[in-house]
């Protein structure tokens, strides 16, 4: 997904899979915890791993209770090649963090309309 169309297509897909506002906030929180955990790996590896692992069930809970669907993390990979399942899971997890980063970026760079006088 190096092309702009690829990234925007992915973000569009991800947003349609996360329509419920509460689920989106849950995911943003879980992704933020996972990123902080990844940074903590350099200083406190055990805490970093625990934070990353804790983010997964939090995100899944949002799907089960608010979206009423199964997370893409549990989808079958497109191929049965060795490592395809792990690659799919990493793609879903990293893609979620990309989506959260894009949402935060839009929130920071989008200007609110000025009130007319």
N, C-alpha and C. Protein backbone atom coordinates (compact mmCIF):
# COMPACT_ATOMS: atom_id res chain seq x y z
N UNK A 1 0.82 -1.19 0.00
CA UNK A 1 0.00 0.00 0.00
C UNK A 1 0.86 1.25 0.00
N UNK A 2 1.63 1.39 -1.03
CA UNK A 2 2.48 2.55 -1.10
C UNK A 2 1.83 3.69 -1.86
N UNK A 3 0.87 3.40 -2.72
CA UNK A 3 0.23 4.46 -3.48
C UNK A 3 -0.83 5.15 -2.64
N UNK A 4 -1.11 6.38 -3.01
CA UNK A 4 -2.13 7.14 -2.28
C UNK A 4 -3.48 6.45 -2.38
N UNK A 5 -3.80 5.91 -3.55
CA UNK A 5 -5.07 5.21 -3.72
C UNK A 5 -5.13 3.99 -2.82
N UNK A 6 -4.01 3.31 -2.66
CA UNK A 6 -3.96 2.14 -1.80
C UNK A 6 -4.22 2.49 -0.34
N UNK A 7 -3.57 3.54 0.13
CA UNK A 7 -3.75 3.94 1.53
C UNK A 7 -5.15 4.47 1.75
N UNK A 8 -5.64 5.32 0.85
CA UNK A 8 -7.00 5.85 1.03
C UNK A 8 -8.03 4.74 0.92
N UNK A 9 -7.78 3.76 0.04
CA UNK A 9 -8.68 2.62 -0.06
C UNK A 9 -8.70 1.80 1.22
N UNK A 10 -7.51 1.62 1.81
CA UNK A 10 -7.44 0.89 3.07
C UNK A 10 -8.18 1.64 4.16
N UNK A 11 -7.97 2.95 4.25
CA UNK A 11 -8.63 3.74 5.29
C UNK A 11 -10.15 3.71 5.13
N UNK A 12 -10.60 3.74 3.88
CA UNK A 12 -12.04 3.65 3.62
C UNK A 12 -12.59 2.30 4.08
N UNK A 13 -11.86 1.23 3.75
CA UNK A 13 -12.26 -0.12 4.20
C UNK A 13 -12.31 -0.18 5.72
N UNK A 14 -11.29 0.35 6.36
CA UNK A 14 -11.20 0.26 7.82
C UNK A 14 -12.33 1.05 8.48
N UNK A 15 -12.66 2.20 7.92
CA UNK A 15 -13.74 3.00 8.50
C UNK A 15 -15.10 2.33 8.33
N UNK A 16 -15.30 1.61 7.24
CA UNK A 16 -16.58 0.91 7.08
C UNK A 16 -16.67 -0.29 8.01
N UNK A 17 -15.53 -0.85 8.41
CA UNK A 17 -15.53 -1.98 9.35
C UNK A 17 -15.67 -1.51 10.79
N UNK A 18 -15.59 -0.19 11.01
CA UNK A 18 -15.67 0.38 12.36
C UNK A 18 -16.64 1.55 12.33
N UNK A 19 -17.90 1.26 12.13
CA UNK A 19 -18.92 2.30 11.98
C UNK A 19 -19.41 2.86 13.30
N UNK A 20 -19.38 2.03 14.33
CA UNK A 20 -19.88 2.47 15.62
C UNK A 20 -18.88 3.42 16.28
N UNK A 21 -19.35 4.58 16.70
CA UNK A 21 -18.48 5.60 17.27
C UNK A 21 -17.75 5.10 18.53
N UNK A 22 -18.47 4.40 19.40
CA UNK A 22 -17.85 3.89 20.63
C UNK A 22 -16.73 2.90 20.27
N UNK A 23 -16.99 2.04 19.31
CA UNK A 23 -15.97 1.08 18.89
C UNK A 23 -14.75 1.80 18.33
N UNK A 24 -14.96 2.88 17.59
CA UNK A 24 -13.83 3.64 17.07
C UNK A 24 -12.98 4.19 18.21
N UNK A 25 -13.62 4.77 19.22
CA UNK A 25 -12.87 5.31 20.35
C UNK A 25 -12.15 4.21 21.10
N UNK A 26 -12.79 3.06 21.26
CA UNK A 26 -12.14 1.92 21.91
C UNK A 26 -10.89 1.53 21.11
N UNK A 27 -11.02 1.45 19.81
CA UNK A 27 -9.87 1.08 18.97
C UNK A 27 -8.76 2.12 19.06
N UNK A 28 -9.11 3.39 19.01
CA UNK A 28 -8.08 4.44 19.11
C UNK A 28 -7.34 4.32 20.43
N UNK A 29 -8.07 4.08 21.51
CA UNK A 29 -7.42 3.91 22.81
C UNK A 29 -6.52 2.68 22.83
N UNK A 30 -7.01 1.56 22.30
CA UNK A 30 -6.22 0.33 22.27
C UNK A 30 -4.98 0.50 21.40
N UNK A 31 -5.12 1.16 20.26
CA UNK A 31 -3.97 1.37 19.38
C UNK A 31 -2.94 2.27 20.05
N UNK A 32 -3.40 3.28 20.77
CA UNK A 32 -2.49 4.17 21.48
C UNK A 32 -1.71 3.40 22.56
N UNK A 33 -2.42 2.55 23.29
CA UNK A 33 -1.76 1.72 24.31
C UNK A 33 -0.72 0.81 23.65
N UNK A 34 -1.05 0.24 22.49
CA UNK A 34 -0.11 -0.65 21.79
C UNK A 34 1.14 0.11 21.33
N UNK A 35 0.97 1.32 20.84
CA UNK A 35 2.12 2.11 20.40
C UNK A 35 3.00 2.47 21.60
N UNK A 36 2.37 2.88 22.69
CA UNK A 36 3.14 3.18 23.91
C UNK A 36 3.86 1.92 24.38
N UNK A 37 3.18 0.77 24.29
CA UNK A 37 3.81 -0.50 24.65
C UNK A 37 5.01 -0.80 23.77
N UNK A 38 4.87 -0.53 22.47
CA UNK A 38 6.00 -0.77 21.55
C UNK A 38 7.19 0.11 21.93
N UNK A 39 6.92 1.34 22.31
CA UNK A 39 8.01 2.22 22.76
C UNK A 39 8.59 1.75 24.09
N UNK A 40 7.73 1.24 24.96
CA UNK A 40 8.18 0.75 26.27
C UNK A 40 9.06 -0.49 26.14
N UNK A 41 8.96 -1.20 25.02
CA UNK A 41 9.80 -2.39 24.82
C UNK A 41 11.29 -2.07 24.98
N UNK A 42 11.69 -0.84 24.66
CA UNK A 42 13.09 -0.44 24.74
C UNK A 42 13.55 -0.19 26.18
N UNK A 43 12.60 0.11 27.07
CA UNK A 43 12.95 0.47 28.44
C UNK A 43 12.51 -0.59 29.45
N UNK A 44 11.31 -1.08 29.28
CA UNK A 44 10.74 -2.10 30.16
C UNK A 44 10.06 -3.14 29.28
N UNK A 45 10.82 -4.11 28.77
CA UNK A 45 10.26 -5.05 27.79
C UNK A 45 9.02 -5.79 28.27
N UNK A 46 8.98 -6.22 29.51
CA UNK A 46 7.82 -6.96 30.00
C UNK A 46 6.57 -6.09 29.98
N UNK A 47 6.70 -4.87 30.45
CA UNK A 47 5.56 -3.94 30.45
C UNK A 47 5.13 -3.66 29.01
N UNK A 48 6.08 -3.48 28.11
CA UNK A 48 5.76 -3.24 26.71
C UNK A 48 4.97 -4.38 26.10
N UNK A 49 5.41 -5.59 26.33
CA UNK A 49 4.70 -6.77 25.79
C UNK A 49 3.30 -6.85 26.38
N UNK A 50 3.18 -6.63 27.68
CA UNK A 50 1.86 -6.70 28.33
C UNK A 50 0.91 -5.63 27.78
N UNK A 51 1.43 -4.44 27.52
CA UNK A 51 0.58 -3.38 26.96
C UNK A 51 0.11 -3.75 25.55
N UNK A 52 1.02 -4.27 24.75
CA UNK A 52 0.66 -4.66 23.38
C UNK A 52 -0.39 -5.77 23.41
N UNK A 53 -0.15 -6.78 24.25
CA UNK A 53 -1.10 -7.89 24.34
C UNK A 53 -2.45 -7.46 24.92
N UNK A 54 -2.44 -6.51 25.84
CA UNK A 54 -3.69 -6.03 26.44
C UNK A 54 -4.55 -5.26 25.43
N UNK A 55 -3.92 -4.65 24.45
CA UNK A 55 -4.66 -3.87 23.45
C UNK A 55 -5.54 -4.75 22.57
N UNK A 56 -5.12 -5.98 22.33
CA UNK A 56 -5.87 -6.85 21.43
C UNK A 56 -7.26 -7.19 21.95
N UNK A 57 -7.42 -7.74 23.15
CA UNK A 57 -8.78 -8.06 23.60
C UNK A 57 -9.65 -6.83 23.78
N UNK A 58 -9.05 -5.69 24.06
CA UNK A 58 -9.84 -4.47 24.17
C UNK A 58 -10.48 -4.14 22.82
N UNK A 59 -9.69 -4.23 21.76
CA UNK A 59 -10.23 -3.97 20.41
C UNK A 59 -11.28 -5.01 20.04
N UNK A 60 -11.03 -6.26 20.34
CA UNK A 60 -11.99 -7.32 20.01
C UNK A 60 -13.31 -7.10 20.73
N UNK A 61 -13.24 -6.64 21.97
CA UNK A 61 -14.46 -6.38 22.74
C UNK A 61 -15.33 -5.35 22.04
N UNK A 62 -14.69 -4.32 21.48
CA UNK A 62 -15.45 -3.31 20.74
C UNK A 62 -16.22 -3.91 19.58
N UNK A 63 -15.60 -4.86 18.88
CA UNK A 63 -16.30 -5.51 17.76
C UNK A 63 -17.47 -6.35 18.25
N UNK A 64 -17.24 -7.14 19.26
CA UNK A 64 -18.29 -8.05 19.73
C UNK A 64 -19.48 -7.31 20.32
N UNK A 65 -19.24 -6.26 21.10
CA UNK A 65 -20.33 -5.58 21.79
C UNK A 65 -20.95 -4.43 21.02
N UNK A 66 -20.18 -3.74 20.21
CA UNK A 66 -20.71 -2.54 19.55
C UNK A 66 -20.94 -2.72 18.05
N UNK A 67 -20.06 -3.42 17.38
CA UNK A 67 -20.23 -3.66 15.94
C UNK A 67 -21.04 -4.93 15.69
N UNK A 68 -21.01 -5.83 16.62
CA UNK A 68 -21.68 -7.13 16.51
C UNK A 68 -21.14 -7.93 15.31
N UNK A 69 -19.80 -7.91 15.19
CA UNK A 69 -19.15 -8.69 14.14
C UNK A 69 -17.85 -9.28 14.66
N UNK A 70 -17.22 -10.07 13.84
CA UNK A 70 -15.95 -10.69 14.21
C UNK A 70 -14.80 -9.82 13.70
N UNK A 71 -13.82 -9.57 14.54
CA UNK A 71 -12.68 -8.76 14.10
C UNK A 71 -11.93 -9.40 12.93
N UNK A 72 -11.37 -8.57 12.07
CA UNK A 72 -10.60 -9.05 10.92
C UNK A 72 -9.37 -9.85 11.37
N UNK A 73 -8.95 -9.65 12.60
CA UNK A 73 -7.81 -10.39 13.16
C UNK A 73 -8.05 -11.90 13.06
N UNK A 74 -9.31 -12.32 13.11
CA UNK A 74 -9.65 -13.74 13.08
C UNK A 74 -10.01 -14.25 11.69
N UNK A 75 -9.97 -13.39 10.67
CA UNK A 75 -10.25 -13.84 9.30
C UNK A 75 -9.15 -14.78 8.82
N UNK A 76 -9.53 -15.68 7.94
CA UNK A 76 -8.56 -16.59 7.34
C UNK A 76 -7.66 -15.82 6.37
N UNK A 77 -6.37 -16.19 6.31
CA UNK A 77 -5.49 -15.52 5.34
C UNK A 77 -5.87 -15.92 3.91
N UNK A 78 -5.49 -15.10 2.96
CA UNK A 78 -5.81 -15.36 1.55
C UNK A 78 -5.07 -16.58 1.02
N UNK A 79 -3.91 -16.88 1.59
CA UNK A 79 -3.14 -18.04 1.12
C UNK A 79 -2.86 -18.96 2.30
N UNK A 80 -2.52 -20.18 2.00
CA UNK A 80 -2.21 -21.15 3.05
C UNK A 80 -0.70 -21.35 3.18
N UNK A 81 0.07 -20.41 2.66
CA UNK A 81 1.53 -20.49 2.73
C UNK A 81 1.98 -20.42 4.19
N UNK A 82 3.13 -21.01 4.49
CA UNK A 82 3.63 -20.92 5.87
C UNK A 82 3.81 -19.46 6.28
N UNK A 83 3.31 -19.12 7.43
CA UNK A 83 3.44 -17.76 7.94
C UNK A 83 2.35 -16.80 7.46
N UNK A 84 1.46 -17.25 6.59
CA UNK A 84 0.42 -16.36 6.05
C UNK A 84 -0.52 -15.89 7.15
N UNK A 85 -0.83 -16.75 8.08
CA UNK A 85 -1.74 -16.37 9.17
C UNK A 85 -1.12 -15.29 10.05
N UNK A 86 0.15 -15.47 10.40
CA UNK A 86 0.85 -14.47 11.21
C UNK A 86 0.97 -13.15 10.44
N UNK A 87 1.28 -13.24 9.16
CA UNK A 87 1.40 -12.03 8.33
C UNK A 87 0.06 -11.29 8.29
N UNK A 88 -1.04 -12.02 8.16
CA UNK A 88 -2.37 -11.40 8.13
C UNK A 88 -2.65 -10.68 9.45
N UNK A 89 -2.31 -11.33 10.57
CA UNK A 89 -2.56 -10.73 11.88
C UNK A 89 -1.72 -9.46 12.08
N UNK A 90 -0.48 -9.50 11.64
CA UNK A 90 0.37 -8.31 11.73
C UNK A 90 -0.15 -7.19 10.84
N UNK A 91 -0.62 -7.55 9.66
CA UNK A 91 -1.17 -6.55 8.75
C UNK A 91 -2.39 -5.88 9.36
N UNK A 92 -3.26 -6.64 9.99
CA UNK A 92 -4.46 -6.08 10.62
C UNK A 92 -4.06 -5.17 11.77
N UNK A 93 -3.14 -5.63 12.62
CA UNK A 93 -2.73 -4.84 13.78
C UNK A 93 -2.03 -3.54 13.36
N UNK A 94 -1.08 -3.63 12.44
CA UNK A 94 -0.37 -2.44 12.00
C UNK A 94 -1.28 -1.51 11.20
N UNK A 95 -2.18 -2.09 10.43
CA UNK A 95 -3.14 -1.27 9.69
C UNK A 95 -4.05 -0.49 10.62
N UNK A 96 -4.42 -1.09 11.74
CA UNK A 96 -5.24 -0.38 12.73
C UNK A 96 -4.51 0.81 13.30
N UNK A 97 -3.24 0.65 13.56
CA UNK A 97 -2.46 1.77 14.08
C UNK A 97 -2.31 2.87 13.03
N UNK A 98 -2.17 2.47 11.77
CA UNK A 98 -2.12 3.45 10.68
C UNK A 98 -3.43 4.23 10.63
N UNK A 99 -4.56 3.53 10.77
CA UNK A 99 -5.87 4.17 10.76
C UNK A 99 -6.00 5.16 11.90
N UNK A 100 -5.58 4.78 13.10
CA UNK A 100 -5.64 5.69 14.25
C UNK A 100 -4.76 6.90 14.00
N UNK A 101 -3.57 6.68 13.49
CA UNK A 101 -2.69 7.81 13.18
C UNK A 101 -3.31 8.75 12.16
N UNK A 102 -3.94 8.19 11.13
CA UNK A 102 -4.60 9.02 10.12
C UNK A 102 -5.76 9.81 10.71
N UNK A 103 -6.50 9.18 11.61
CA UNK A 103 -7.62 9.89 12.25
C UNK A 103 -7.11 11.03 13.13
N UNK A 104 -6.05 10.78 13.89
CA UNK A 104 -5.47 11.84 14.72
C UNK A 104 -4.93 12.96 13.83
N UNK A 105 -4.28 12.60 12.73
CA UNK A 105 -3.74 13.60 11.81
C UNK A 105 -4.85 14.47 11.24
N UNK A 106 -5.96 13.84 10.82
CA UNK A 106 -7.09 14.61 10.29
C UNK A 106 -7.66 15.54 11.35
N UNK A 107 -7.73 15.07 12.59
CA UNK A 107 -8.28 15.90 13.66
C UNK A 107 -7.41 17.12 13.93
N UNK A 108 -6.10 16.96 13.80
CA UNK A 108 -5.18 18.06 14.07
C UNK A 108 -5.10 19.04 12.90
N UNK A 109 -5.17 18.52 11.68
CA UNK A 109 -4.94 19.38 10.51
C UNK A 109 -6.22 19.95 9.91
N UNK A 110 -7.37 19.44 10.30
CA UNK A 110 -8.62 19.94 9.74
C UNK A 110 -9.06 21.17 10.53
N UNK A 111 -9.29 22.23 9.81
CA UNK A 111 -9.72 23.46 10.47
C UNK A 111 -11.22 23.47 10.62
N UNK A 112 -11.66 23.93 11.76
CA UNK A 112 -13.10 24.08 11.99
C UNK A 112 -13.58 25.32 11.22
N UNK A 113 -14.79 25.27 10.67
CA UNK A 113 -15.29 26.43 9.93
C UNK A 113 -15.48 27.62 10.87
N UNK A 114 -15.18 28.79 10.35
CA UNK A 114 -15.34 30.00 11.16
C UNK A 114 -16.81 30.38 11.28
N UNK A 115 -17.16 30.85 12.44
CA UNK A 115 -18.53 31.32 12.65
C UNK A 115 -18.70 32.68 11.97
N UNK A 116 -19.78 32.81 11.23
CA UNK A 116 -20.02 34.08 10.56
C UNK A 116 -20.65 35.07 11.56
N UNK A 117 -20.34 36.32 11.33
CA UNK A 117 -20.82 37.35 12.26
C UNK A 117 -22.04 38.02 11.74
